[in-house]
PDB file of N, CA and C in Angstrom:
ATOM      1  N   MET A   1      10.671 -25.715  47.257  1.00  0.00           N
ATOM      2  CA  MET A   1      10.605 -24.877  48.439  1.00  0.00           C
ATOM      3  C   MET A   1       9.395 -25.273  49.275  1.00  0.00           C
ATOM      4  N   LYS A   2       9.519 -25.061  50.569  1.00  0.00           N
ATOM      5  CA  LYS A   2       8.405 -25.336  51.463  1.00  0.00           C
ATOM      6  C   LYS A   2       7.431 -24.165  51.477  1.00  0.00           C
ATOM      7  N   PRO A   3       6.122 -24.440  51.560  1.00  0.00           N
ATOM      8  CA  PRO A   3       5.148 -23.355  51.667  1.00  0.00           C
ATOM      9  C   PRO A   3       5.425 -22.495  52.901  1.00  0.00           C
ATOM     10  N   SER A   4       5.266 -21.216  52.779  1.00  0.00           N
ATOM     11  CA  SER A   4       5.477 -20.279  53.877  1.00  0.00           C
ATOM     12  C   SER A   4       4.685 -19.011  53.596  1.00  0.00           C
ATOM     13  N   HIS A   5       4.918 -17.969  54.386  1.00  0.00           N
ATOM     14  CA  HIS A   5       4.212 -16.700  54.153  1.00  0.00           C
ATOM     15  C   HIS A   5       4.640 -16.057  52.838  1.00  0.00           C
ATOM     16  N   SER A   6       5.809 -16.451  52.317  1.00  0.00           N
ATOM     17  CA  SER A   6       6.320 -15.821  51.101  1.00  0.00           C
ATOM     18  C   SER A   6       6.381 -16.752  49.894  1.00  0.00           C
ATOM     19  N   PHE A   7       5.907 -17.986  50.064  1.00  0.00           N
ATOM     20  CA  PHE A   7       5.953 -18.921  48.946  1.00  0.00           C
ATOM     21  C   PHE A   7       4.790 -19.897  49.008  1.00  0.00           C
ATOM     22  N   PHE A   8       4.142 -20.078  47.852  1.00  0.00           N
ATOM     23  CA  PHE A   8       3.050 -21.035  47.735  1.00  0.00           C
ATOM     24  C   PHE A   8       3.016 -21.530  46.301  1.00  0.00           C
ATOM     25  N   GLU A   9       2.963 -22.826  46.110  1.00  0.00           N
ATOM     26  CA  GLU A   9       2.892 -23.400  44.767  1.00  0.00           C
ATOM     27  C   GLU A   9       1.651 -24.270  44.671  1.00  0.00           C
ATOM     28  N   ASN A  10       0.798 -23.987  43.687  1.00  0.00           N
ATOM     29  CA  ASN A  10      -0.450 -24.728  43.526  1.00  0.00           C
ATOM     30  C   ASN A  10      -0.407 -25.568  42.250  1.00  0.00           C
ATOM     31  N   ARG A  11       0.151 -26.741  42.338  1.00  0.00           N
ATOM     32  CA  ARG A  11       0.266 -27.619  41.173  1.00  0.00           C
ATOM     33  C   ARG A  11      -1.093 -28.170  40.735  1.00  0.00           C
ATOM     34  N   ALA A  12      -2.109 -28.071  41.585  1.00  0.00           N
ATOM     35  CA  ALA A  12      -3.450 -28.550  41.238  1.00  0.00           C
ATOM     36  C   ALA A  12      -4.213 -27.549  40.370  1.00  0.00           C
ATOM     37  N   CYS A  13      -3.707 -26.347  40.241  1.00  0.00           N
ATOM     38  CA  CYS A  13      -4.365 -25.319  39.420  1.00  0.00           C
ATOM     39  C   CYS A  13      -4.361 -25.751  37.959  1.00  0.00           C
ATOM     40  N   LYS A  14      -5.485 -25.575  37.282  1.00  0.00           N
ATOM     41  CA  LYS A  14      -5.559 -26.003  35.881  1.00  0.00           C
ATOM     42  C   LYS A  14      -4.668 -25.153  34.972  1.00  0.00           C
ATOM     43  N   TYR A  15      -4.190 -24.011  35.452  1.00  0.00           N
ATOM     44  CA  TYR A  15      -3.314 -23.153  34.661  1.00  0.00           C
ATOM     45  C   TYR A  15      -1.827 -23.327  35.012  1.00  0.00           C
ATOM     46  N   PHE A  16      -1.533 -24.173  35.986  1.00  0.00           N
ATOM     47  CA  PHE A  16      -0.145 -24.335  36.424  1.00  0.00           C
ATOM     48  C   PHE A  16       0.675 -25.092  35.398  1.00  0.00           C
ATOM     49  N   PRO A  17       1.847 -24.609  35.074  1.00  0.00           N
ATOM     50  CA  PRO A  17       2.346 -23.263  35.366  1.00  0.00           C
ATOM     51  C   PRO A  17       1.840 -22.283  34.308  1.00  0.00           C
ATOM     52  N   CYS A  18       1.462 -21.108  34.740  1.00  0.00           N
ATOM     53  CA  CYS A  18       0.934 -20.124  33.791  1.00  0.00           C
ATOM     54  C   CYS A  18       2.051 -19.451  33.001  1.00  0.00           C
ATOM     55  N   HIS A  19       3.267 -19.589  33.459  1.00  0.00           N
ATOM     56  CA  HIS A  19       4.458 -19.109  32.739  1.00  0.00           C
ATOM     57  C   HIS A  19       5.464 -20.255  32.727  1.00  0.00           C
ATOM     58  N   LYS A  20       6.193 -20.392  31.653  1.00  0.00           N
ATOM     59  CA  LYS A  20       7.164 -21.476  31.513  1.00  0.00           C
ATOM     60  C   LYS A  20       8.561 -21.015  31.925  1.00  0.00           C
ATOM     61  N   GLY A  21       9.409 -21.982  32.287  1.00  0.00           N
ATOM     62  CA  GLY A  21      10.823 -21.705  32.486  1.00  0.00           C
ATOM     63  C   GLY A  21      11.285 -21.478  33.913  1.00  0.00           C
ATOM     64  N   LEU A  22      10.426 -21.644  34.901  1.00  0.00           N
ATOM     65  CA  LEU A  22      10.845 -21.445  36.283  1.00  0.00           C
ATOM     66  C   LEU A  22      10.881 -22.780  37.014  1.00  0.00           C
ATOM     67  N   GLU A  23      11.941 -23.007  37.767  1.00  0.00           N
ATOM     68  CA  GLU A  23      12.050 -24.248  38.536  1.00  0.00           C
ATOM     69  C   GLU A  23      11.175 -24.182  39.785  1.00  0.00           C
ATOM     70  N   ASP A  24      11.346 -23.135  40.592  1.00  0.00           N
ATOM     71  CA  ASP A  24      10.480 -22.886  41.749  1.00  0.00           C
ATOM     72  C   ASP A  24       9.475 -21.828  41.323  1.00  0.00           C
ATOM     73  N   PHE A  25       8.208 -22.178  41.336  1.00  0.00           N
ATOM     74  CA  PHE A  25       7.160 -21.294  40.826  1.00  0.00           C
ATOM     75  C   PHE A  25       6.288 -20.817  41.975  1.00  0.00           C
ATOM     76  N   ASN A  26       6.326 -19.537  42.280  1.00  0.00           N
ATOM     77  CA  ASN A  26       5.552 -18.983  43.373  1.00  0.00           C
ATOM     78  C   ASN A  26       4.182 -18.522  42.876  1.00  0.00           C
ATOM     79  N   CYS A  27       3.138 -19.180  43.339  1.00  0.00           N
ATOM     80  CA  CYS A  27       1.768 -18.843  42.959  1.00  0.00           C
ATOM     81  C   CYS A  27       1.152 -17.810  43.900  1.00  0.00           C
ATOM     82  N   LEU A  28       1.905 -17.372  44.889  1.00  0.00           N
ATOM     83  CA  LEU A  28       1.389 -16.432  45.884  1.00  0.00           C
ATOM     84  C   LEU A  28       0.808 -15.183  45.219  1.00  0.00           C
ATOM     85  N   PHE A  29       1.494 -14.693  44.201  1.00  0.00           N
ATOM     86  CA  PHE A  29       1.016 -13.513  43.477  1.00  0.00           C
ATOM     87  C   PHE A  29       0.413 -13.938  42.142  1.00  0.00           C
ATOM     88  N   CYS A  30      -0.551 -14.823  42.199  1.00  0.00           N
ATOM     89  CA  CYS A  30      -1.222 -15.303  40.991  1.00  0.00           C
ATOM     90  C   CYS A  30      -1.717 -14.115  40.179  1.00  0.00           C
ATOM     91  N   PHE A  31      -2.380 -13.198  40.827  1.00  0.00           N
ATOM     92  CA  PHE A  31      -2.716 -11.916  40.204  1.00  0.00           C
ATOM     93  C   PHE A  31      -1.671 -10.936  40.691  1.00  0.00           C
ATOM     94  N   CYS A  32      -0.903 -10.392  39.806  1.00  0.00           N
ATOM     95  CA  CYS A  32       0.210  -9.527  40.183  1.00  0.00           C
ATOM     96  C   CYS A  32      -0.278  -8.277  40.913  1.00  0.00           C
ATOM     97  N   PRO A  33       0.220  -8.040  42.131  1.00  0.00           N
ATOM     98  CA  PRO A  33      -0.199  -6.847  42.871  1.00  0.00           C
ATOM     99  C   PRO A  33       0.375  -5.555  42.287  1.00  0.00           C
ATOM    100  N   MET A  34       1.271  -5.671  41.315  1.00  0.00           N
ATOM    101  CA  MET A  34       1.863  -4.485  40.690  1.00  0.00           C
ATOM    102  C   MET A  34       1.224  -4.178  39.329  1.00  0.00           C
ATOM    103  N   TYR A  35       0.218  -4.939  38.948  1.00  0.00           N
ATOM    104  CA  TYR A  35      -0.400  -4.750  37.632  1.00  0.00           C
ATOM    105  C   TYR A  35      -0.865  -3.307  37.412  1.00  0.00           C
ATOM    106  N   HIS A  36      -1.409  -2.706  38.434  1.00  0.00           N
ATOM    107  CA  HIS A  36      -1.942  -1.345  38.316  1.00  0.00           C
ATOM    108  C   HIS A  36      -0.853  -0.271  38.264  1.00  0.00           C
ATOM    109  N   MET A  37       0.397  -0.627  38.559  1.00  0.00           N
ATOM    110  CA  MET A  37       1.491   0.339  38.608  1.00  0.00           C
ATOM    111  C   MET A  37       2.116   0.557  37.232  1.00  0.00           C
ATOM    112  N   GLN A  38       2.331   1.801  36.911  1.00  0.00           N
ATOM    113  CA  GLN A  38       2.969   2.112  35.638  1.00  0.00           C
ATOM    114  C   GLN A  38       4.436   1.678  35.666  1.00  0.00           C
ATOM    115  N   ASN A  39       5.096   1.835  36.797  1.00  0.00           N
ATOM    116  CA  ASN A  39       6.507   1.468  36.934  1.00  0.00           C
ATOM    117  C   ASN A  39       6.656   0.229  37.814  1.00  0.00           C
ATOM    118  N   CYS A  40       6.085  -0.860  37.389  1.00  0.00           N
ATOM    119  CA  CYS A  40       6.198  -2.094  38.164  1.00  0.00           C
ATOM    120  C   CYS A  40       7.623  -2.636  38.021  1.00  0.00           C
ATOM    121  N   LEU A  41       7.951  -3.636  38.808  1.00  0.00           N
ATOM    122  CA  LEU A  41       9.300  -4.204  38.806  1.00  0.00           C
ATOM    123  C   LEU A  41       9.497  -5.252  37.714  1.00  0.00           C
ATOM    124  N   GLY A  42       8.432  -5.674  37.096  1.00  0.00           N
ATOM    125  CA  GLY A  42       8.507  -6.723  36.082  1.00  0.00           C
ATOM    126  C   GLY A  42       8.864  -6.183  34.708  1.00  0.00           C
ATOM    127  N   SER A  43       8.560  -6.988  33.709  1.00  0.00           N
ATOM    128  CA  SER A  43       8.878  -6.601  32.328  1.00  0.00           C
ATOM    129  C   SER A  43       7.641  -6.750  31.433  1.00  0.00           C
ATOM    130  N   PRO A  44       6.637  -5.913  31.682  1.00  0.00           N
ATOM    131  CA  PRO A  44       5.418  -6.012  30.872  1.00  0.00           C
ATOM    132  C   PRO A  44       5.628  -5.472  29.470  1.00  0.00           C
ATOM    133  N   GLU A  45       4.733  -5.845  28.612  1.00  0.00           N
ATOM    134  CA  GLU A  45       4.684  -5.295  27.266  1.00  0.00           C
ATOM    135  C   GLU A  45       3.381  -4.507  27.193  1.00  0.00           C
ATOM    136  N   TYR A  46       3.243  -3.686  26.195  1.00  0.00           N
ATOM    137  CA  TYR A  46       2.034  -2.883  26.047  1.00  0.00           C
ATOM    138  C   TYR A  46       1.500  -3.036  24.631  1.00  0.00           C
ATOM    139  N   MET A  47       0.188  -3.010  24.521  1.00  0.00           N
ATOM    140  CA  MET A  47      -0.442  -3.051  23.216  1.00  0.00           C
ATOM    141  C   MET A  47      -1.621  -2.086  23.233  1.00  0.00           C
ATOM    142  N   GLU A  48      -2.011  -1.637  22.084  1.00  0.00           N
ATOM    143  CA  GLU A  48      -3.138  -0.727  21.990  1.00  0.00           C
ATOM    144  C   GLU A  48      -4.384  -1.494  21.564  1.00  0.00           C
ATOM    145  N   VAL A  49      -5.449  -1.288  22.302  1.00  0.00           N
ATOM    146  CA  VAL A  49      -6.724  -1.925  21.998  1.00  0.00           C
ATOM    147  C   VAL A  49      -7.794  -0.840  22.028  1.00  0.00           C
ATOM    148  N   LYS A  50      -8.422  -0.628  20.903  1.00  0.00           N
ATOM    149  CA  LYS A  50      -9.483   0.376  20.785  1.00  0.00           C
ATOM    150  C   LYS A  50      -9.044   1.742  21.299  1.00  0.00           C
ATOM    151  N   GLY A  51      -7.811   2.107  20.978  1.00  0.00           N
ATOM    152  CA  GLY A  51      -7.287   3.412  21.360  1.00  0.00           C
ATOM    153  C   GLY A  51      -6.786   3.519  22.781  1.00  0.00           C
ATOM    154  N   LYS A  52      -6.780   2.419  23.518  1.00  0.00           N
ATOM    155  CA  LYS A  52      -6.299   2.435  24.901  1.00  0.00           C
ATOM    156  C   LYS A  52      -5.056   1.567  25.025  1.00  0.00           C
ATOM    157  N   LYS A  53      -4.135   1.995  25.871  1.00  0.00           N
ATOM    158  CA  LYS A  53      -2.909   1.261  26.127  1.00  0.00           C
ATOM    159  C   LYS A  53      -3.200   0.150  27.145  1.00  0.00           C
ATOM    160  N   LEU A  54      -2.903  -1.094  26.794  1.00  0.00           N
ATOM    161  CA  LEU A  54      -3.185  -2.244  27.644  1.00  0.00           C
ATOM    162  C   LEU A  54      -1.875  -2.904  28.072  1.00  0.00           C
ATOM    163  N   LYS A  55      -1.728  -3.126  29.355  1.00  0.00           N
ATOM    164  CA  LYS A  55      -0.542  -3.775  29.905  1.00  0.00           C
ATOM    165  C   LYS A  55      -0.689  -5.284  29.724  1.00  0.00           C
ATOM    166  N   VAL A  56       0.316  -5.912  29.128  1.00  0.00           N
ATOM    167  CA  VAL A  56       0.296  -7.348  28.868  1.00  0.00           C
ATOM    168  C   VAL A  56       1.465  -7.989  29.613  1.00  0.00           C
ATOM    169  N   CYS A  57       1.158  -8.870  30.548  1.00  0.00           N
ATOM    170  CA  CYS A  57       2.186  -9.461  31.404  1.00  0.00           C
ATOM    171  C   CYS A  57       2.437 -10.941  31.092  1.00  0.00           C
ATOM    172  N   THR A  58       1.993 -11.381  29.956  1.00  0.00           N
ATOM    173  CA  THR A  58       2.095 -12.788  29.574  1.00  0.00           C
ATOM    174  C   THR A  58       3.508 -13.337  29.691  1.00  0.00           C
ATOM    175  N   ASN A  59       4.510 -12.557  29.316  1.00  0.00           N
ATOM    176  CA  ASN A  59       5.890 -13.035  29.340  1.00  0.00           C
ATOM    177  C   ASN A  59       6.671 -12.602  30.570  1.00  0.00           C
ATOM    178  N   CYS A  60       6.002 -12.025  31.548  1.00  0.00           N
ATOM    179  CA  CYS A  60       6.669 -11.559  32.769  1.00  0.00           C
ATOM    180  C   CYS A  60       6.561 -12.618  33.866  1.00  0.00           C
ATOM    181  N   THR A  61       7.701 -13.035  34.393  1.00  0.00           N
ATOM    182  CA  THR A  61       7.716 -14.029  35.471  1.00  0.00           C
ATOM    183  C   THR A  61       8.174 -13.433  36.797  1.00  0.00           C
ATOM    184  N   PHE A  62       8.399 -12.140  36.847  1.00  0.00           N
ATOM    185  CA  PHE A  62       8.949 -11.494  38.047  1.00  0.00           C
ATOM    186  C   PHE A  62       8.198 -11.871  39.333  1.00  0.00           C
ATOM    187  N   PRO A  63       6.867 -11.725  39.407  1.00  0.00           N
ATOM    188  CA  PRO A  63       6.189 -12.027  40.673  1.00  0.00           C
ATOM    189  C   PRO A  63       6.166 -13.513  41.025  1.00  0.00           C
ATOM    190  N   HIS A  64       6.505 -14.373  40.086  1.00  0.00           N
ATOM    191  CA  HIS A  64       6.479 -15.812  40.341  1.00  0.00           C
ATOM    192  C   HIS A  64       7.836 -16.370  40.755  1.00  0.00           C
ATOM    193  N   GLN A  65       8.853 -15.524  40.796  1.00  0.00           N
ATOM    194  CA  GLN A  65      10.175 -15.960  41.228  1.00  0.00           C
ATOM    195  C   GLN A  65      10.292 -15.729  42.733  1.00  0.00           C
ATOM    196  N   PRO A  66      10.481 -16.784  43.518  1.00  0.00           N
ATOM    197  CA  PRO A  66      10.525 -16.663  44.974  1.00  0.00           C
ATOM    198  C   PRO A  66      11.492 -15.600  45.485  1.00  0.00           C
ATOM    199  N   LYS A  67      12.594 -15.402  44.807  1.00  0.00           N
ATOM    200  CA  LYS A  67      13.593 -14.432  45.274  1.00  0.00           C
ATOM    201  C   LYS A  67      13.101 -12.985  45.209  1.00  0.00           C
ATOM    202  N   HIS A  68      11.976 -12.721  44.549  1.00  0.00           N
ATOM    203  CA  HIS A  68      11.477 -11.357  44.392  1.00  0.00           C
ATOM    204  C   HIS A  68      10.412 -10.962  45.412  1.00  0.00           C
ATOM    205  N   TYR A  69      10.095 -11.845  46.345  1.00  0.00           N
ATOM    206  CA  TYR A  69       9.047 -11.555  47.323  1.00  0.00           C
ATOM    207  C   TYR A  69       9.320 -10.244  48.071  1.00  0.00           C
ATOM    208  N   GLU A  70      10.507 -10.096  48.611  1.00  0.00           N
ATOM    209  CA  GLU A  70      10.840  -8.895  49.395  1.00  0.00           C
ATOM    210  C   GLU A  70      10.771  -7.632  48.546  1.00  0.00           C
ATOM    211  N   ALA A  71      11.269  -7.687  47.328  1.00  0.00           N
ATOM    212  CA  ALA A  71      11.243  -6.520  46.449  1.00  0.00           C
ATOM    213  C   ALA A  71       9.803  -6.097  46.154  1.00  0.00           C
ATOM    214  N   ILE A  72       8.935  -7.069  45.934  1.00  0.00           N
ATOM    215  CA  ILE A  72       7.525  -6.764  45.664  1.00  0.00           C
ATOM    216  C   ILE A  72       6.879  -6.133  46.892  1.00  0.00           C
ATOM    217  N   MET A  73       7.133  -6.706  48.062  1.00  0.00           N
ATOM    218  CA  MET A  73       6.552  -6.162  49.290  1.00  0.00           C
ATOM    219  C   MET A  73       7.038  -4.735  49.542  1.00  0.00           C
ATOM    220  N   ASN A  74       8.326  -4.486  49.315  1.00  0.00           N
ATOM    221  CA  ASN A  74       8.860  -3.132  49.488  1.00  0.00           C
ATOM    222  C   ASN A  74       8.243  -2.161  48.492  1.00  0.00           C
ATOM    223  N   LYS A  75       8.059  -2.575  47.259  1.00  0.00           N
ATOM    224  CA  LYS A  75       7.430  -1.728  46.246  1.00  0.00           C
ATOM    225  C   LYS A  75       6.005  -1.374  46.655  1.00  0.00           C
ATOM    226  N   LEU A  76       5.259  -2.359  47.147  1.00  0.00           N
ATOM    227  CA  LEU A  76       3.886  -2.115  47.582  1.00  0.00           C
ATOM    228  C   LEU A  76       3.848  -1.162  48.763  1.00  0.00           C
ATOM    229  N   LYS A  77       4.764  -1.322  49.713  1.00  0.00           N
ATOM    230  CA  LYS A  77       4.811  -0.425  50.888  1.00  0.00           C
ATOM    231  C   LYS A  77       5.096   0.999  50.471  1.00  0.00           C
ATOM    232  N   ASN A  78       5.963   1.182  49.492  1.00  0.00           N
ATOM    233  CA  ASN A  78       6.358   2.517  49.047  1.00  0.00           C
ATOM    234  C   ASN A  78       5.301   3.192  48.191  1.00  0.00           C
ATOM    235  N   GLU A  79       4.340   2.432  47.678  1.00  0.00           N
ATOM    236  CA  GLU A  79       3.286   2.987  46.843  1.00  0.00           C
ATOM    237  C   GLU A  79       2.136   3.571  47.667  1.00  0.00           C
ATOM    238  N   ILE A  80       2.121   3.273  48.939  1.00  0.00           N
ATOM    239  CA  ILE A  80       0.999   3.727  49.793  1.00  0.00           C
ATOM    240  C   ILE A  80       1.092   5.212  50.039  1.00  0.00           C
TER     241      ILE A  80
END
């Protein structure tokens, strides 16, 4: 895909790809903007650390799939 307002791929990043299995990898949301949301659109896992629930997104590729850009933007707009 060509870089645009909704897609960016950084192959020079030392962590690229940070998740495996995607053909087109969108780095635009390198840090997931839905991380703070309890009901995010992705598929996080949770673990307990020192009595606190910790969100683990290691296996979630939702924000890195180009087709999800609009859904993420709509979710963010609705959270305001």
